[in-house]
Structure formats: structure tokens, C-alpha cells
Amino acid sequence: MNLSKFSCGCIGWAFEPKVLVLVPCDGDRNDPSIFPYWRDLSDKTHEPLDVEASRKLLDDIAELVHDGHKFREVRSLLK
């Protein structure tokens, strides 16, 4: 399943009729963040996100997950 870019600017995975949005179109353009949530974009068109942009986004997600694991390790050491 490919990531898609929607006509509104959202990026996510299309699961009819809803989309798991990873990057919302109405987010802060100066600080784009990954914020997964379900949204009805059935009235929007979409096209596959290019491979390079998909890899970048998935690398960003992997980095966030890794940072979360490091945070839990540090928190565990501080207990």
C-alpha cells in the first residue's frame, strides 16, 4: 500500500472511506510534524507519493519511534 498525497495537501494511507493521515494539510507549515489520525477525505482526489518523499517520511517516523524508545530508557534509569 502506497502513501498518497491528497488534493488538500494531506499525506497518508487511503483506507476507503477514511484516510490515516500522517501529515495534515492544516498543520504548521514552518514546523511540519507527523500526527497520525483518521480523517474523512472521500471528497478529495489523491495520487501516490513519490518514492523519495515516502522514504523520507518513513525515515522520520522510524526516528521518532527510536527517540521514544531512548526516552523510555532514560526515564527508566532515572527511577
PDB file of N, CA and C in Angstrom:
ATOM      1  N   MET A   1       0.852  -1.172   0.000  1.00  0.00           N
ATOM      2  CA  MET A   1       0.000   0.000   0.000  1.00  0.00           C
ATOM      3  C   MET A   1       0.898   1.234   0.000  1.00  0.00           C
ATOM      4  N   ASN A   2       0.658   2.120  -0.932  1.00  0.00           N
ATOM      5  CA  ASN A   2       1.472   3.315  -1.090  1.00  0.00           C
ATOM      6  C   ASN A   2       0.925   4.486  -0.285  1.00  0.00           C
ATOM      7  N   LEU A   3       1.832   5.317   0.158  1.00  0.00           N
ATOM      8  CA  LEU A   3       1.425   6.593   0.729  1.00  0.00           C
ATOM      9  C   LEU A   3       0.873   7.457  -0.398  1.00  0.00           C
ATOM     10  N   SER A   4      -0.105   8.289  -0.068  1.00  0.00           N
ATOM     11  CA  SER A   4      -0.716   9.154  -1.071  1.00  0.00           C
ATOM     12  C   SER A   4      -0.683  10.594  -0.614  1.00  0.00           C
ATOM     13  N   LYS A   5      -0.641  11.484  -1.596  1.00  0.00           N
ATOM     14  CA  LYS A   5      -0.802  12.908  -1.328  1.00  0.00           C
ATOM     15  C   LYS A   5      -2.172  13.296  -1.862  1.00  0.00           C
ATOM     16  N   PHE A   6      -2.955  13.949  -1.016  1.00  0.00           N
ATOM     17  CA  PHE A   6      -4.320  14.304  -1.353  1.00  0.00           C
ATOM     18  C   PHE A   6      -4.389  15.733  -1.868  1.00  0.00           C
ATOM     19  N   SER A   7      -5.462  16.037  -2.581  1.00  0.00           N
ATOM     20  CA  SER A   7      -5.601  17.350  -3.205  1.00  0.00           C
ATOM     21  C   SER A   7      -5.589  18.491  -2.201  1.00  0.00           C
ATOM     22  N   CYS A   8      -5.915  18.213  -0.953  1.00  0.00           N
ATOM     23  CA  CYS A   8      -5.899  19.247   0.089  1.00  0.00           C
ATOM     24  C   CYS A   8      -4.480  19.471   0.628  1.00  0.00           C
ATOM     25  N   GLY A   9      -3.566  18.509   0.359  1.00  0.00           N
ATOM     26  CA  GLY A   9      -2.189  18.608   0.845  1.00  0.00           C
ATOM     27  C   GLY A   9      -1.852  17.587   1.921  1.00  0.00           C
ATOM     28  N   CYS A  10      -2.849  16.883   2.455  1.00  0.00           N
ATOM     29  CA  CYS A  10      -2.596  15.837   3.447  1.00  0.00           C
ATOM     30  C   CYS A  10      -1.804  14.701   2.803  1.00  0.00           C
ATOM     31  N   ILE A  11      -1.016  14.018   3.637  1.00  0.00           N
ATOM     32  CA  ILE A  11      -0.288  12.836   3.195  1.00  0.00           C
ATOM     33  C   ILE A  11      -0.649  11.697   4.133  1.00  0.00           C
ATOM     34  N   GLY A  12      -0.980  10.548   3.560  1.00  0.00           N
ATOM     35  CA  GLY A  12      -1.344   9.407   4.385  1.00  0.00           C
ATOM     36  C   GLY A  12      -1.691   8.201   3.550  1.00  0.00           C
ATOM     37  N   TRP A  13      -2.291   7.201   4.210  1.00  0.00           N
ATOM     38  CA  TRP A  13      -2.721   5.978   3.547  1.00  0.00           C
ATOM     39  C   TRP A  13      -4.221   6.001   3.376  1.00  0.00           C
ATOM     40  N   ALA A  14      -4.674   5.731   2.166  1.00  0.00           N
ATOM     41  CA  ALA A  14      -6.106   5.718   1.869  1.00  0.00           C
ATOM     42  C   ALA A  14      -6.704   4.366   2.225  1.00  0.00           C
ATOM     43  N   PHE A  15      -7.606   4.369   3.163  1.00  0.00           N
ATOM     44  CA  PHE A  15      -8.432   3.219   3.507  1.00  0.00           C
ATOM     45  C   PHE A  15      -9.858   3.701   3.314  1.00  0.00           C
ATOM     46  N   GLU A  16     -10.491   3.278   2.250  1.00  0.00           N
ATOM     47  CA  GLU A  16     -11.822   3.788   1.927  1.00  0.00           C
ATOM     48  C   GLU A  16     -12.792   3.507   3.062  1.00  0.00           C
ATOM     49  N   PRO A  17     -13.593   4.456   3.504  1.00  0.00           N
ATOM     50  CA  PRO A  17     -13.698   5.829   3.024  1.00  0.00           C
ATOM     51  C   PRO A  17     -12.796   6.799   3.790  1.00  0.00           C
ATOM     52  N   LYS A  18     -12.056   6.317   4.784  1.00  0.00           N
ATOM     53  CA  LYS A  18     -11.223   7.229   5.569  1.00  0.00           C
ATOM     54  C   LYS A  18      -9.757   7.077   5.220  1.00  0.00           C
ATOM     55  N   VAL A  19      -8.972   8.038   5.702  1.00  0.00           N
ATOM     56  CA  VAL A  19      -7.539   8.084   5.452  1.00  0.00           C
ATOM     57  C   VAL A  19      -6.820   8.145   6.789  1.00  0.00           C
ATOM     58  N   LEU A  20      -5.741   7.373   6.923  1.00  0.00           N
ATOM     59  CA  LEU A  20      -4.872   7.531   8.077  1.00  0.00           C
ATOM     60  C   LEU A  20      -3.869   8.605   7.688  1.00  0.00           C
ATOM     61  N   VAL A  21      -4.147   9.825   8.118  1.00  0.00           N
ATOM     62  CA  VAL A  21      -3.320  10.980   7.775  1.00  0.00           C
ATOM     63  C   VAL A  21      -2.081  10.964   8.658  1.00  0.00           C
ATOM     64  N   LEU A  22      -0.921  11.121   8.044  1.00  0.00           N
ATOM     65  CA  LEU A  22       0.328  11.228   8.788  1.00  0.00           C
ATOM     66  C   LEU A  22       0.785  12.676   8.867  1.00  0.00           C
ATOM     67  N   VAL A  23       0.613  13.410   7.783  1.00  0.00           N
ATOM     68  CA  VAL A  23       0.981  14.826   7.734  1.00  0.00           C
ATOM     69  C   VAL A  23      -0.259  15.594   7.307  1.00  0.00           C
ATOM     70  N   PRO A  24      -0.868  16.340   8.237  1.00  0.00           N
ATOM     71  CA  PRO A  24      -2.099  17.064   7.902  1.00  0.00           C
ATOM     72  C   PRO A  24      -1.824  18.307   7.051  1.00  0.00           C
ATOM     73  N   CYS A  25      -2.766  18.610   6.184  1.00  0.00           N
ATOM     74  CA  CYS A  25      -2.634  19.783   5.322  1.00  0.00           C
ATOM     75  C   CYS A  25      -2.776  21.079   6.106  1.00  0.00           C
ATOM     76  N   ASP A  26      -3.469  21.018   7.223  1.00  0.00           N
ATOM     77  CA  ASP A  26      -3.723  22.232   8.009  1.00  0.00           C
ATOM     78  C   ASP A  26      -2.771  22.351   9.198  1.00  0.00           C
ATOM     79  N   GLY A  27      -1.645  21.646   9.135  1.00  0.00           N
ATOM     80  CA  GLY A  27      -0.635  21.741  10.187  1.00  0.00           C
ATOM     81  C   GLY A  27       0.238  22.965   9.991  1.00  0.00           C
ATOM     82  N   ASP A  28       1.174  23.140  10.884  1.00  0.00           N
ATOM     83  CA  ASP A  28       2.107  24.268  10.837  1.00  0.00           C
ATOM     84  C   ASP A  28       3.121  24.043   9.725  1.00  0.00           C
ATOM     85  N   ARG A  29       3.076  24.877   8.688  1.00  0.00           N
ATOM     86  CA  ARG A  29       3.979  24.726   7.541  1.00  0.00           C
ATOM     87  C   ARG A  29       5.434  24.965   7.917  1.00  0.00           C
ATOM     88  N   ASN A  30       5.686  25.780   8.962  1.00  0.00           N
ATOM     89  CA  ASN A  30       7.052  26.060   9.390  1.00  0.00           C
ATOM     90  C   ASN A  30       7.625  24.938  10.243  1.00  0.00           C
ATOM     91  N   ASP A  31       6.758  24.129  10.806  1.00  0.00           N
ATOM     92  CA  ASP A  31       7.193  23.018  11.637  1.00  0.00           C
ATOM     93  C   ASP A  31       6.343  21.803  11.304  1.00  0.00           C
ATOM     94  N   PRO A  32       6.530  21.229  10.107  1.00  0.00           N
ATOM     95  CA  PRO A  32       5.699  20.078   9.738  1.00  0.00           C
ATOM     96  C   PRO A  32       5.971  18.912  10.676  1.00  0.00           C
ATOM     97  N   SER A  33       4.913  18.329  11.158  1.00  0.00           N
ATOM     98  CA  SER A  33       5.084  17.220  12.094  1.00  0.00           C
ATOM     99  C   SER A  33       4.240  16.042  11.652  1.00  0.00           C
ATOM    100  N   ILE A  34       4.584  14.901  12.171  1.00  0.00           N
ATOM    101  CA  ILE A  34       3.841  13.688  11.893  1.00  0.00           C
ATOM    102  C   ILE A  34       2.816  13.542  13.006  1.00  0.00           C
ATOM    103  N   PHE A  35       1.565  13.531  12.616  1.00  0.00           N
ATOM    104  CA  PHE A  35       0.477  13.486  13.586  1.00  0.00           C
ATOM    105  C   PHE A  35      -0.584  12.540  13.052  1.00  0.00           C
ATOM    106  N   PRO A  36      -0.454  11.235  13.311  1.00  0.00           N
ATOM    107  CA  PRO A  36      -1.396  10.280  12.724  1.00  0.00           C
ATOM    108  C   PRO A  36      -2.795  10.368  13.332  1.00  0.00           C
ATOM    109  N   TYR A  37      -3.777  10.444  12.473  1.00  0.00           N
ATOM    110  CA  TYR A  37      -5.174  10.379  12.894  1.00  0.00           C
ATOM    111  C   TYR A  37      -6.030  10.052  11.682  1.00  0.00           C
ATOM    112  N   TRP A  38      -7.260   9.592  11.931  1.00  0.00           N
ATOM    113  CA  TRP A  38      -8.186   9.224  10.868  1.00  0.00           C
ATOM    114  C   TRP A  38      -8.967  10.451  10.440  1.00  0.00           C
ATOM    115  N   ARG A  39      -9.162  10.578   9.130  1.00  0.00           N
ATOM    116  CA  ARG A  39      -9.878  11.732   8.588  1.00  0.00           C
ATOM    117  C   ARG A  39     -10.650  11.276   7.353  1.00  0.00           C
ATOM    118  N   ASP A  40     -11.843  11.828   7.199  1.00  0.00           N
ATOM    119  CA  ASP A  40     -12.643  11.538   6.009  1.00  0.00           C
ATOM    120  C   ASP A  40     -12.215  12.473   4.890  1.00  0.00           C
ATOM    121  N   LEU A  41     -11.533  11.931   3.906  1.00  0.00           N
ATOM    122  CA  LEU A  41     -11.104  12.705   2.744  1.00  0.00           C
ATOM    123  C   LEU A  41     -11.740  12.134   1.475  1.00  0.00           C
ATOM    124  N   SER A  42     -12.920  11.546   1.629  1.00  0.00           N
ATOM    125  CA  SER A  42     -13.571  10.898   0.497  1.00  0.00           C
ATOM    126  C   SER A  42     -13.920  11.877  -0.615  1.00  0.00           C
ATOM    127  N   ASP A  43     -13.956  13.171  -0.298  1.00  0.00           N
ATOM    128  CA  ASP A  43     -14.257  14.174  -1.326  1.00  0.00           C
ATOM    129  C   ASP A  43     -12.990  14.705  -1.999  1.00  0.00           C
ATOM    130  N   LYS A  44     -11.829  14.160  -1.647  1.00  0.00           N
ATOM    131  CA  LYS A  44     -10.538  14.628  -2.194  1.00  0.00           C
ATOM    132  C   LYS A  44      -9.975  13.601  -3.173  1.00  0.00           C
ATOM    133  N   THR A  45      -9.254  14.105  -4.145  1.00  0.00           N
ATOM    134  CA  THR A  45      -8.525  13.215  -5.040  1.00  0.00           C
ATOM    135  C   THR A  45      -7.143  12.963  -4.433  1.00  0.00           C
ATOM    136  N   HIS A  46      -6.510  11.895  -4.889  1.00  0.00           N
ATOM    137  CA  HIS A  46      -5.169  11.614  -4.383  1.00  0.00           C
ATOM    138  C   HIS A  46      -4.354  10.898  -5.438  1.00  0.00           C
ATOM    139  N   GLU A  47      -3.052  11.012  -5.264  1.00  0.00           N
ATOM    140  CA  GLU A  47      -2.106  10.328  -6.143  1.00  0.00           C
ATOM    141  C   GLU A  47      -0.990   9.767  -5.280  1.00  0.00           C
ATOM    142  N   PRO A  48      -0.322   8.731  -5.769  1.00  0.00           N
ATOM    143  CA  PRO A  48       0.761   8.144  -4.968  1.00  0.00           C
ATOM    144  C   PRO A  48       1.870   9.164  -4.695  1.00  0.00           C
ATOM    145  N   LEU A  49       2.368   9.126  -3.489  1.00  0.00           N
ATOM    146  CA  LEU A  49       3.508   9.959  -3.120  1.00  0.00           C
ATOM    147  C   LEU A  49       4.743   9.341  -3.768  1.00  0.00           C
ATOM    148  N   ASP A  50       5.649  10.174  -4.272  1.00  0.00           N
ATOM    149  CA  ASP A  50       6.823   9.614  -4.946  1.00  0.00           C
ATOM    150  C   ASP A  50       7.692   8.856  -3.942  1.00  0.00           C
ATOM    151  N   VAL A  51       8.503   7.963  -4.468  1.00  0.00           N
ATOM    152  CA  VAL A  51       9.288   7.039  -3.645  1.00  0.00           C
ATOM    153  C   VAL A  51      10.213   7.784  -2.690  1.00  0.00           C
ATOM    154  N   GLU A  52      10.886   8.815  -3.166  1.00  0.00           N
ATOM    155  CA  GLU A  52      11.838   9.546  -2.317  1.00  0.00           C
ATOM    156  C   GLU A  52      11.118  10.224  -1.142  1.00  0.00           C
ATOM    157  N   ALA A  53       9.991  10.861  -1.398  1.00  0.00           N
ATOM    158  CA  ALA A  53       9.235  11.512  -0.322  1.00  0.00           C
ATOM    159  C   ALA A  53       8.686  10.477   0.654  1.00  0.00           C
ATOM    160  N   SER A  54       8.261   9.331   0.142  1.00  0.00           N
ATOM    161  CA  SER A  54       7.766   8.256   1.018  1.00  0.00           C
ATOM    162  C   SER A  54       8.873   7.747   1.932  1.00  0.00           C
ATOM    163  N   ARG A  55      10.053   7.527   1.365  1.00  0.00           N
ATOM    164  CA  ARG A  55      11.179   7.047   2.179  1.00  0.00           C
ATOM    165  C   ARG A  55      11.548   8.061   3.256  1.00  0.00           C
ATOM    166  N   LYS A  56      11.563   9.339   2.886  1.00  0.00           N
ATOM    167  CA  LYS A  56      11.893  10.395   3.852  1.00  0.00           C
ATOM    168  C   LYS A  56      10.903  10.391   5.004  1.00  0.00           C
ATOM    169  N   LEU A  57       9.607  10.331   4.693  1.00  0.00           N
ATOM    170  CA  LEU A  57       8.582  10.336   5.721  1.00  0.00           C
ATOM    171  C   LEU A  57       8.696   9.103   6.615  1.00  0.00           C
ATOM    172  N   LEU A  58       8.911   7.943   6.023  1.00  0.00           N
ATOM    173  CA  LEU A  58       9.040   6.724   6.820  1.00  0.00           C
ATOM    174  C   LEU A  58      10.317   6.736   7.658  1.00  0.00           C
ATOM    175  N   ASP A  59      11.390   7.330   7.144  1.00  0.00           N
ATOM    176  CA  ASP A  59      12.605   7.509   7.953  1.00  0.00           C
ATOM    177  C   ASP A  59      12.331   8.424   9.143  1.00  0.00           C
ATOM    178  N   ASP A  60      11.556   9.490   8.925  1.00  0.00           N
ATOM    179  CA  ASP A  60      11.194  10.400  10.015  1.00  0.00           C
ATOM    180  C   ASP A  60      10.386   9.671  11.082  1.00  0.00           C
ATOM    181  N   ILE A  61       9.463   8.818  10.662  1.00  0.00           N
ATOM    182  CA  ILE A  61       8.658   8.047  11.610  1.00  0.00           C
ATOM    183  C   ILE A  61       9.550   7.095  12.405  1.00  0.00           C
ATOM    184  N   ALA A  62      10.463   6.416  11.715  1.00  0.00           N
ATOM    185  CA  ALA A  62      11.377   5.492  12.398  1.00  0.00           C
ATOM    186  C   ALA A  62      12.226   6.237  13.426  1.00  0.00           C
ATOM    187  N   GLU A  63      12.672   7.435  13.090  1.00  0.00           N
ATOM    188  CA  GLU A  63      13.466   8.234  14.026  1.00  0.00           C
ATOM    189  C   GLU A  63      12.652   8.622  15.257  1.00  0.00           C
ATOM    190  N   LEU A  64      11.389   8.982  15.056  1.00  0.00           N
ATOM    191  CA  LEU A  64      10.528   9.326  16.193  1.00  0.00           C
ATOM    192  C   LEU A  64      10.314   8.124  17.106  1.00  0.00           C
ATOM    193  N   VAL A  65      10.109   6.961  16.517  1.00  0.00           N
ATOM    194  CA  VAL A  65       9.933   5.742  17.325  1.00  0.00           C
ATOM    195  C   VAL A  65      11.211   5.447  18.100  1.00  0.00           C
ATOM    196  N   HIS A  66      12.345   5.567  17.440  1.00  0.00           N
ATOM    197  CA  HIS A  66      13.635   5.318  18.097  1.00  0.00           C
ATOM    198  C   HIS A  66      13.839   6.305  19.255  1.00  0.00           C
ATOM    199  N   ASP A  67      13.527   7.586  19.035  1.00  0.00           N
ATOM    200  CA  ASP A  67      13.650   8.582  20.099  1.00  0.00           C
ATOM    201  C   ASP A  67      12.737   8.253  21.279  1.00  0.00           C
ATOM    202  N   GLY A  68      11.552   7.723  20.994  1.00  0.00           N
ATOM    203  CA  GLY A  68      10.632   7.324  22.063  1.00  0.00           C
ATOM    204  C   GLY A  68      11.216   6.206  22.901  1.00  0.00           C
ATOM    205  N   HIS A  69      11.857   5.243  22.246  1.00  0.00           N
ATOM    206  CA  HIS A  69      12.497   4.141  22.979  1.00  0.00           C
ATOM    207  C   HIS A  69      13.641   4.669  23.845  1.00  0.00           C
ATOM    208  N   LYS A  70      14.439   5.585  23.308  1.00  0.00           N
ATOM    209  CA  LYS A  70      15.542   6.160  24.091  1.00  0.00           C
ATOM    210  C   LYS A  70      14.987   6.931  25.288  1.00  0.00           C
ATOM    211  N   PHE A  71      13.900   7.666  25.093  1.00  0.00           N
ATOM    212  CA  PHE A  71      13.294   8.417  26.186  1.00  0.00           C
ATOM    213  C   PHE A  71      12.859   7.470  27.312  1.00  0.00           C
ATOM    214  N   ARG A  72      12.230   6.362  26.942  1.00  0.00           N
ATOM    215  CA  ARG A  72      11.796   5.402  27.966  1.00  0.00           C
ATOM    216  C   ARG A  72      12.977   4.792  28.698  1.00  0.00           C
ATOM    217  N   GLU A  73      14.080   4.546  28.003  1.00  0.00           N
ATOM    218  CA  GLU A  73      15.268   4.006  28.649  1.00  0.00           C
ATOM    219  C   GLU A  73      15.822   5.001  29.671  1.00  0.00           C
ATOM    220  N   VAL A  74      15.899   6.266  29.293  1.00  0.00           N
ATOM    221  CA  VAL A  74      16.391   7.295  30.199  1.00  0.00           C
ATOM    222  C   VAL A  74      15.452   7.431  31.393  1.00  0.00           C
ATOM    223  N   ARG A  75      14.163   7.451  31.135  1.00  0.00           N
ATOM    224  CA  ARG A  75      13.182   7.563  32.228  1.00  0.00           C
ATOM    225  C   ARG A  75      13.316   6.392  33.181  1.00  0.00           C
ATOM    226  N   SER A  76      13.541   5.205  32.637  1.00  0.00           N
ATOM    227  CA  SER A  76      13.702   4.010  33.456  1.00  0.00           C
ATOM    228  C   SER A  76      14.947   4.134  34.331  1.00  0.00           C
ATOM    229  N   LEU A  77      16.024   4.672  33.795  1.00  0.00           N
ATOM    230  CA  LEU A  77      17.260   4.840  34.585  1.00  0.00           C
ATOM    231  C   LEU A  77      17.096   5.866  35.702  1.00  0.00           C
ATOM    232  N   LEU A  78      16.228   6.841  35.508  1.00  0.00           N
ATOM    233  CA  LEU A  78      16.034   7.906  36.490  1.00  0.00           C
ATOM    234  C   LEU A  78      15.114   7.511  37.627  1.00  0.00           C
ATOM    235  N   LYS A  79      14.451   6.383  37.520  1.00  0.00           N
ATOM    236  CA  LYS A  79      13.518   5.939  38.571  1.00  0.00           C
ATOM    237  C   LYS A  79      14.263   5.440  39.775  1.00  0.00           C
TER     238      LYS A  79
END
